[in-house]
């Protein structure tokens, strides 16, 4: 799943450190188009809220936006 979160001055390394403890395949970056943090993970929104808080970026679960899937199904049939 892909999520976007608006965070002022995000510390991507810290977020990534905490995310990878829960989801070793997780990805974190900043979307250059809108400046929001983009996270691809199998974690649920409440888990992301805990990860972000541990990284110094407390947000409400309601501030975590689930993006529509871009999966074509080709990888897993």
N, C-alpha and C. Protein backbone atom coordinates (compact mmCIF):
# COMPACT_ATOMS: atom_id res chain seq x y z
N UNK A 1 0.84 -1.17 0.00
CA UNK A 1 0.00 0.00 0.00
C UNK A 1 0.89 1.24 0.00
N UNK A 2 0.39 2.29 -0.58
CA UNK A 2 1.13 3.55 -0.60
C UNK A 2 0.34 4.60 0.16
N UNK A 3 1.08 5.32 1.00
CA UNK A 3 0.48 6.37 1.82
C UNK A 3 1.22 7.67 1.57
N UNK A 4 0.53 8.79 1.76
CA UNK A 4 1.16 10.11 1.74
C UNK A 4 0.77 10.85 3.00
N UNK A 5 1.77 11.57 3.54
CA UNK A 5 1.57 12.31 4.78
C UNK A 5 2.29 13.65 4.64
N UNK A 6 1.61 14.73 5.00
CA UNK A 6 2.25 16.05 5.01
C UNK A 6 2.96 16.22 6.34
N UNK A 7 4.29 16.37 6.27
CA UNK A 7 5.13 16.54 7.46
C UNK A 7 6.11 17.67 7.16
N UNK A 8 6.17 18.67 8.02
CA UNK A 8 7.14 19.74 7.85
C UNK A 8 8.55 19.26 8.18
N UNK A 9 9.49 19.49 7.30
CA UNK A 9 10.90 19.12 7.49
C UNK A 9 11.07 17.67 7.92
N UNK A 10 10.60 16.73 7.11
CA UNK A 10 10.69 15.32 7.51
C UNK A 10 12.13 14.82 7.57
N UNK A 11 12.41 14.01 8.57
CA UNK A 11 13.72 13.33 8.68
C UNK A 11 13.52 11.92 8.11
N UNK A 12 13.75 11.81 6.81
CA UNK A 12 13.50 10.56 6.10
C UNK A 12 14.30 9.41 6.68
N UNK A 13 15.57 9.64 7.03
CA UNK A 13 16.39 8.56 7.59
C UNK A 13 15.79 7.98 8.86
N UNK A 14 15.28 8.84 9.72
CA UNK A 14 14.66 8.38 10.97
C UNK A 14 13.38 7.61 10.72
N UNK A 15 12.57 8.10 9.79
CA UNK A 15 11.33 7.40 9.46
C UNK A 15 11.67 6.03 8.86
N UNK A 16 12.62 6.02 7.95
CA UNK A 16 13.01 4.76 7.31
C UNK A 16 13.54 3.76 8.34
N UNK A 17 14.35 4.22 9.27
CA UNK A 17 14.90 3.35 10.31
C UNK A 17 13.78 2.62 11.06
N UNK A 18 12.78 3.36 11.49
CA UNK A 18 11.68 2.77 12.26
C UNK A 18 10.77 1.92 11.37
N UNK A 19 10.54 2.35 10.13
CA UNK A 19 9.69 1.59 9.22
C UNK A 19 10.30 0.22 8.92
N UNK A 20 11.60 0.19 8.65
CA UNK A 20 12.25 -1.06 8.26
C UNK A 20 12.27 -2.09 9.39
N UNK A 21 12.12 -1.65 10.62
CA UNK A 21 12.02 -2.60 11.73
C UNK A 21 10.71 -3.38 11.65
N UNK A 22 9.66 -2.75 11.14
CA UNK A 22 8.36 -3.40 11.00
C UNK A 22 8.20 -4.05 9.63
N UNK A 23 8.68 -3.37 8.61
CA UNK A 23 8.51 -3.84 7.23
C UNK A 23 9.83 -3.69 6.49
N UNK A 24 10.65 -4.74 6.44
CA UNK A 24 11.97 -4.65 5.80
C UNK A 24 11.92 -4.27 4.32
N UNK A 25 10.78 -4.42 3.68
CA UNK A 25 10.64 -4.06 2.27
C UNK A 25 10.04 -2.66 2.09
N UNK A 26 9.79 -1.95 3.18
CA UNK A 26 9.17 -0.63 3.11
C UNK A 26 10.07 0.40 2.43
N UNK A 27 9.45 1.38 1.81
CA UNK A 27 10.16 2.46 1.13
C UNK A 27 9.63 3.80 1.60
N UNK A 28 10.53 4.77 1.76
CA UNK A 28 10.15 6.12 2.20
C UNK A 28 10.87 7.12 1.32
N UNK A 29 10.15 8.13 0.84
CA UNK A 29 10.77 9.24 0.14
C UNK A 29 9.84 10.45 0.23
N UNK A 30 10.26 11.52 -0.41
CA UNK A 30 9.42 12.73 -0.47
C UNK A 30 8.98 12.89 -1.92
N UNK A 31 7.68 13.01 -2.13
CA UNK A 31 7.13 13.22 -3.46
C UNK A 31 7.48 14.63 -3.91
N UNK A 32 8.31 14.74 -4.93
CA UNK A 32 8.77 16.05 -5.41
C UNK A 32 7.61 16.90 -5.94
N UNK A 33 6.54 16.26 -6.38
CA UNK A 33 5.41 17.01 -6.95
C UNK A 33 4.62 17.78 -5.91
N UNK A 34 4.48 17.21 -4.70
CA UNK A 34 3.65 17.89 -3.70
C UNK A 34 4.33 18.05 -2.34
N UNK A 35 5.55 17.55 -2.18
CA UNK A 35 6.30 17.74 -0.95
C UNK A 35 5.88 16.85 0.21
N UNK A 36 4.94 15.95 -0.04
CA UNK A 36 4.51 15.06 1.04
C UNK A 36 5.42 13.83 1.14
N UNK A 37 5.49 13.27 2.34
CA UNK A 37 6.23 12.04 2.54
C UNK A 37 5.40 10.91 1.93
N UNK A 38 6.08 10.07 1.15
CA UNK A 38 5.43 8.94 0.51
C UNK A 38 6.00 7.67 1.12
N UNK A 39 5.14 6.77 1.58
CA UNK A 39 5.58 5.53 2.21
C UNK A 39 4.87 4.37 1.53
N UNK A 40 5.66 3.42 1.05
CA UNK A 40 5.12 2.17 0.50
C UNK A 40 5.42 1.08 1.52
N UNK A 41 4.38 0.41 2.00
CA UNK A 41 4.54 -0.54 3.09
C UNK A 41 3.34 -1.47 3.19
N UNK A 42 3.53 -2.54 3.94
CA UNK A 42 2.40 -3.41 4.27
C UNK A 42 1.80 -3.01 5.62
N UNK A 43 2.40 -2.01 6.28
CA UNK A 43 1.91 -1.54 7.59
C UNK A 43 0.55 -0.86 7.44
N UNK A 44 -0.22 -0.93 8.49
CA UNK A 44 -1.53 -0.28 8.55
C UNK A 44 -1.36 1.17 9.02
N UNK A 45 -2.35 2.04 8.76
CA UNK A 45 -2.23 3.44 9.15
C UNK A 45 -1.90 3.65 10.63
N UNK A 46 -2.51 2.88 11.54
CA UNK A 46 -2.21 3.08 12.96
C UNK A 46 -0.75 2.72 13.26
N UNK A 47 -0.20 1.74 12.53
CA UNK A 47 1.21 1.39 12.71
C UNK A 47 2.11 2.50 12.16
N UNK A 48 1.72 3.09 11.04
CA UNK A 48 2.48 4.22 10.50
C UNK A 48 2.48 5.39 11.46
N UNK A 49 1.36 5.65 12.10
CA UNK A 49 1.30 6.74 13.08
C UNK A 49 2.29 6.50 14.21
N UNK A 50 2.40 5.25 14.66
CA UNK A 50 3.36 4.92 15.73
C UNK A 50 4.80 5.06 15.22
N UNK A 51 5.05 4.62 13.99
CA UNK A 51 6.39 4.73 13.39
C UNK A 51 6.78 6.20 13.27
N UNK A 52 5.88 7.01 12.76
CA UNK A 52 6.17 8.44 12.59
C UNK A 52 6.40 9.12 13.93
N UNK A 53 5.61 8.77 14.94
CA UNK A 53 5.80 9.35 16.27
C UNK A 53 7.17 8.96 16.83
N UNK A 54 7.56 7.70 16.65
CA UNK A 54 8.87 7.24 17.13
C UNK A 54 10.01 7.96 16.42
N UNK A 55 9.76 8.38 15.18
CA UNK A 55 10.77 9.11 14.41
C UNK A 55 10.73 10.61 14.68
N UNK A 56 9.86 11.05 15.59
CA UNK A 56 9.79 12.47 15.94
C UNK A 56 8.79 13.26 15.13
N UNK A 57 7.88 12.58 14.44
CA UNK A 57 6.87 13.24 13.61
C UNK A 57 5.47 12.74 14.00
N UNK A 58 4.97 13.13 15.16
CA UNK A 58 3.64 12.65 15.54
C UNK A 58 2.55 13.20 14.60
N UNK A 59 1.72 12.31 14.11
CA UNK A 59 0.59 12.69 13.26
C UNK A 59 -0.62 11.87 13.69
N UNK A 60 -1.79 12.38 13.39
CA UNK A 60 -3.02 11.63 13.63
C UNK A 60 -3.21 10.61 12.51
N UNK A 61 -3.83 9.50 12.83
CA UNK A 61 -4.11 8.49 11.81
C UNK A 61 -4.90 9.12 10.66
N UNK A 62 -5.78 10.04 10.98
CA UNK A 62 -6.59 10.69 9.95
C UNK A 62 -5.77 11.55 8.99
N UNK A 63 -4.53 11.88 9.35
CA UNK A 63 -3.64 12.66 8.48
C UNK A 63 -2.87 11.78 7.51
N UNK A 64 -3.01 10.47 7.63
CA UNK A 64 -2.30 9.52 6.77
C UNK A 64 -3.24 9.13 5.64
N UNK A 65 -2.88 9.53 4.42
CA UNK A 65 -3.75 9.32 3.27
C UNK A 65 -3.34 8.06 2.50
N UNK A 66 -4.26 7.11 2.39
CA UNK A 66 -4.04 5.91 1.58
C UNK A 66 -4.25 6.27 0.12
N UNK A 67 -3.25 5.99 -0.69
CA UNK A 67 -3.33 6.31 -2.11
C UNK A 67 -3.95 5.14 -2.88
N UNK A 68 -4.60 5.41 -3.99
CA UNK A 68 -5.15 4.33 -4.80
C UNK A 68 -4.04 3.39 -5.28
N UNK A 69 -4.35 2.13 -5.40
CA UNK A 69 -3.37 1.14 -5.83
C UNK A 69 -2.93 1.41 -7.27
N UNK A 70 -1.65 1.20 -7.53
CA UNK A 70 -1.11 1.28 -8.88
C UNK A 70 -0.64 -0.10 -9.34
N UNK A 71 -1.05 -1.11 -8.59
CA UNK A 71 -0.65 -2.49 -8.88
C UNK A 71 -1.40 -3.01 -10.10
N UNK A 72 -0.65 -3.56 -11.05
CA UNK A 72 -1.28 -4.15 -12.24
C UNK A 72 -1.52 -5.64 -12.07
N UNK A 73 -0.96 -6.22 -10.98
CA UNK A 73 -1.13 -7.64 -10.73
C UNK A 73 -0.11 -8.51 -11.44
N UNK A 74 0.76 -7.91 -12.23
CA UNK A 74 1.73 -8.67 -13.02
C UNK A 74 2.78 -9.40 -12.21
N UNK A 75 3.13 -8.89 -11.04
CA UNK A 75 4.18 -9.52 -10.24
C UNK A 75 3.71 -10.83 -9.60
N UNK A 76 2.46 -10.87 -9.20
CA UNK A 76 2.00 -12.05 -8.46
C UNK A 76 0.80 -12.72 -9.13
N UNK A 77 0.65 -12.47 -10.39
CA UNK A 77 -0.39 -13.19 -11.13
C UNK A 77 -1.68 -12.59 -11.10
